[in-house]
C-alpha atoms as a PDB file:
ATOM      1  CA  MET A   1      -2.026 -16.158  -0.666  1.00  0.00           C
ATOM      2  CA  ASN A   2       0.198 -19.097  -1.142  1.00  0.00           C
ATOM      3  CA  TYR A   3       3.757 -18.538  -2.112  1.00  0.00           C
ATOM      4  CA  THR A   4       7.151 -19.906  -0.863  1.00  0.00           C
ATOM      5  CA  LYS A   5       7.588 -18.570   2.572  1.00  0.00           C
ATOM      6  CA  GLY A   6      10.999 -17.494   4.035  1.00  0.00           C
ATOM      7  CA  GLU A   7      13.548 -14.897   2.944  1.00  0.00           C
ATOM      8  CA  TRP A   8      14.129 -14.715  -0.798  1.00  0.00           C
ATOM      9  CA  LYS A   9      17.711 -14.219  -1.769  1.00  0.00           C
ATOM     10  CA  VAL A  10      19.432 -13.445  -5.105  1.00  0.00           C
ATOM     11  CA  GLU A  11      22.519 -15.500  -6.237  1.00  0.00           C
ATOM     12  CA  ILE A  12      24.241 -14.285  -9.312  1.00  0.00           C
ATOM     13  CA  ALA A  13      25.589 -17.403 -11.274  1.00  0.00           C
ATOM     14  CA  ARG A  14      28.498 -16.644 -13.912  1.00  0.00           C
ATOM     15  CA  TYR A  15      28.966 -19.785 -15.979  1.00  0.00           C
ATOM     16  CA  THR A  16      31.126 -19.966 -19.002  1.00  0.00           C
ATOM     17  CA  ASN A  17      28.652 -18.363 -21.290  1.00  0.00           C
ATOM     18  CA  LYS A  18      28.672 -14.630 -21.983  1.00  0.00           C
ATOM     19  CA  TYR A  19      25.551 -13.544 -19.877  1.00  0.00           C
ATOM     20  CA  PRO A  20      25.053 -14.193 -16.107  1.00  0.00           C
ATOM     21  CA  SER A  21      21.888 -15.634 -14.555  1.00  0.00           C
ATOM     22  CA  ALA A  22      20.124 -14.737 -11.379  1.00  0.00           C
ATOM     23  CA  HIS A  23      18.731 -17.436  -9.255  1.00  0.00           C
ATOM     24  CA  ILE A  24      16.099 -16.323  -6.664  1.00  0.00           C
ATOM     25  CA  GLN A  25      16.276 -18.838  -3.682  1.00  0.00           C
ATOM     26  CA  ALA A  26      14.197 -19.654  -0.596  1.00  0.00           C
ATOM     27  CA  ASN A  27      14.716 -22.315   1.911  1.00  0.00           C
ATOM     28  CA  GLY A  28      17.459 -23.860  -0.354  1.00  0.00           C
ATOM     29  CA  TRP A  29      15.415 -24.073  -3.423  1.00  0.00           C
ATOM     30  CA  VAL A  30      15.653 -22.055  -6.491  1.00  0.00           C
ATOM     31  CA  ILE A  31      12.206 -20.517  -6.902  1.00  0.00           C
ATOM     32  CA  CYS A  32      12.788 -18.277  -9.884  1.00  0.00           C
ATOM     33  CA  LEU A  33      15.486 -18.066 -12.645  1.00  0.00           C
ATOM     34  CA  LEU A  34      16.402 -15.005 -14.679  1.00  0.00           C
ATOM     35  CA  ALA A  35      18.447 -16.817 -17.423  1.00  0.00           C
ATOM     36  CA  ASN A  36      21.372 -15.646 -19.362  1.00  0.00           C
ATOM     37  CA  THR A  37      20.388 -12.018 -20.038  1.00  0.00           C
ATOM     38  CA  ASP A  38      22.168  -9.137 -21.521  1.00  0.00           C
ATOM     39  CA  ASN A  39      19.529  -6.808 -19.993  1.00  0.00           C
ATOM     40  CA  PRO A  40      21.664  -4.044 -18.029  1.00  0.00           C
ATOM     41  CA  VAL A  41      19.132  -4.104 -15.092  1.00  0.00           C
ATOM     42  CA  PHE A  42      18.532  -7.761 -14.675  1.00  0.00           C
ATOM     43  CA  GLU A  43      20.180  -7.832 -11.306  1.00  0.00           C
ATOM     44  CA  ALA A  44      17.852  -5.015 -10.247  1.00  0.00           C
ATOM     45  CA  ASN A  45      14.946  -7.043 -11.613  1.00  0.00           C
ATOM     46  CA  ALA A  46      16.246  -9.987  -9.546  1.00  0.00           C
ATOM     47  CA  ASN A  47      16.555  -8.022  -6.449  1.00  0.00           C
ATOM     48  CA  LEU A  48      12.894  -6.683  -6.995  1.00  0.00           C
ATOM     49  CA  ILE A  49      11.552 -10.070  -7.219  1.00  0.00           C
ATOM     50  CA  ALA A  50      13.491 -11.372  -4.052  1.00  0.00           C
ATOM     51  CA  ALA A  51      11.777  -8.233  -2.311  1.00  0.00           C
ATOM     52  CA  ALA A  52       8.320  -9.234  -3.258  1.00  0.00           C
ATOM     53  CA  PRO A  53       7.307 -11.243  -0.266  1.00  0.00           C
ATOM     54  CA  LEU A  54       8.505  -8.342   2.196  1.00  0.00           C
ATOM     55  CA  MET A  55       6.652  -5.791   0.059  1.00  0.00           C
ATOM     56  CA  HIS A  56       3.487  -7.915   0.015  1.00  0.00           C
ATOM     57  CA  GLN A  57       3.714  -8.257   3.767  1.00  0.00           C
ATOM     58  CA  GLU A  58       4.060  -4.541   4.152  1.00  0.00           C
ATOM     59  CA  LEU A  59       1.230  -3.730   1.777  1.00  0.00           C
ATOM     60  CA  GLU A  60      -1.032  -6.245   3.739  1.00  0.00           C
ATOM     61  CA  GLU A  61      -0.162  -4.239   6.926  1.00  0.00           C
ATOM     62  CA  THR A  62      -0.741  -0.984   5.357  1.00  0.00           C
ATOM     63  CA  ARG A  63      -4.069  -2.140   3.700  1.00  0.00           C
ATOM     64  CA  ALA A  64      -5.151  -3.194   7.174  1.00  0.00           C
ATOM     65  CA  MET A  65      -4.210   0.062   8.772  1.00  0.00           C
ATOM     66  CA  PHE A  66      -6.233   1.967   6.185  1.00  0.00           C
ATOM     67  CA  ALA A  67      -9.135  -0.407   6.781  1.00  0.00           C
ATOM     68  CA  ARG A  68      -9.035   0.355  10.445  1.00  0.00           C
ATOM     69  CA  VAL A  69      -8.786   4.089   9.684  1.00  0.00           C
ATOM     70  CA  GLU A  70     -11.775   3.929   7.347  1.00  0.00           C
ATOM     71  CA  ALA A  71     -13.873   2.063  10.028  1.00  0.00           C
ATOM     72  CA  VAL A  72     -13.573   5.172  12.155  1.00  0.00           C
ATOM     73  CA  ARG A  73     -13.900   7.836   9.533  1.00  0.00           C
ATOM     74  CA  LYS A  74     -14.188   8.304   5.736  1.00  0.00           C
ATOM     75  CA  LEU A  75     -11.036   8.252   3.762  1.00  0.00           C
ATOM     76  CA  LYS A  76     -10.547  11.179   1.589  1.00  0.00           C
ATOM     77  CA  GLY A  77      -8.386  12.510  -1.345  1.00  0.00           C
ATOM     78  CA  TYR A  78      -4.708  11.109  -0.953  1.00  0.00           C
ATOM     79  CA  GLU A  79      -5.632   8.495   1.644  1.00  0.00           C
ATOM     80  CA  GLN A  80      -8.339   7.072  -0.453  1.00  0.00           C
ATOM     81  CA  THR A  81      -6.293   7.026  -3.629  1.00  0.00           C
ATOM     82  CA  ARG A  82      -3.366   5.303  -1.677  1.00  0.00           C
ATOM     83  CA  TYR A  83      -5.777   2.934  -0.174  1.00  0.00           C
ATOM     84  CA  THR A  84      -7.314   1.974  -3.544  1.00  0.00           C
ATOM     85  CA  ARG A  85      -3.917   1.536  -5.157  1.00  0.00           C
ATOM     86  CA  ILE A  86      -2.654  -0.706  -2.449  1.00  0.00           C
ATOM     87  CA  LYS A  87      -5.831  -2.938  -2.770  1.00  0.00           C
ATOM     88  CA  GLN A  88      -5.343  -2.973  -6.562  1.00  0.00           C
ATOM     89  CA  ALA A  89      -1.698  -3.951  -6.250  1.00  0.00           C
ATOM     90  CA  LEU A  90      -2.432  -6.814  -3.714  1.00  0.00           C
ATOM     91  CA  ALA A  91      -5.354  -8.077  -6.036  1.00  0.00           C
ATOM     92  CA  LYS A  92      -2.817  -8.197  -8.841  1.00  0.00           C
ATOM     93  CA  ALA A  93      -0.304  -9.918  -6.876  1.00  0.00           C
ATOM     94  CA  GLU A  94      -3.077 -12.433  -5.706  1.00  0.00           C
ATOM     95  CA  SER A  95      -4.456 -12.778  -9.276  1.00  0.00           C
ATOM     96  CA  LYS A  96      -7.820 -11.461  -8.211  1.00  0.00           C
END
């Protein structure tokens, strides 16, 4: 999957207007902007976006772990449900 590599960081910009903006940055570039919002959870949303690459990497590693387990034995119940949801989440992130 192609996306901007490197650590994503949030910078809150408070200009002269009433509402702040959140800049998601990586490698010195703004890669996402949440502009002038009065949404009370906009900083939490910005932090969630900034965490996306790390979460994607962790899901990929967990998917691979489940695949190794499934190669040895059949996944059942909770394991199968988790594995299916992880594959669905990754597919959504990768537009599949």
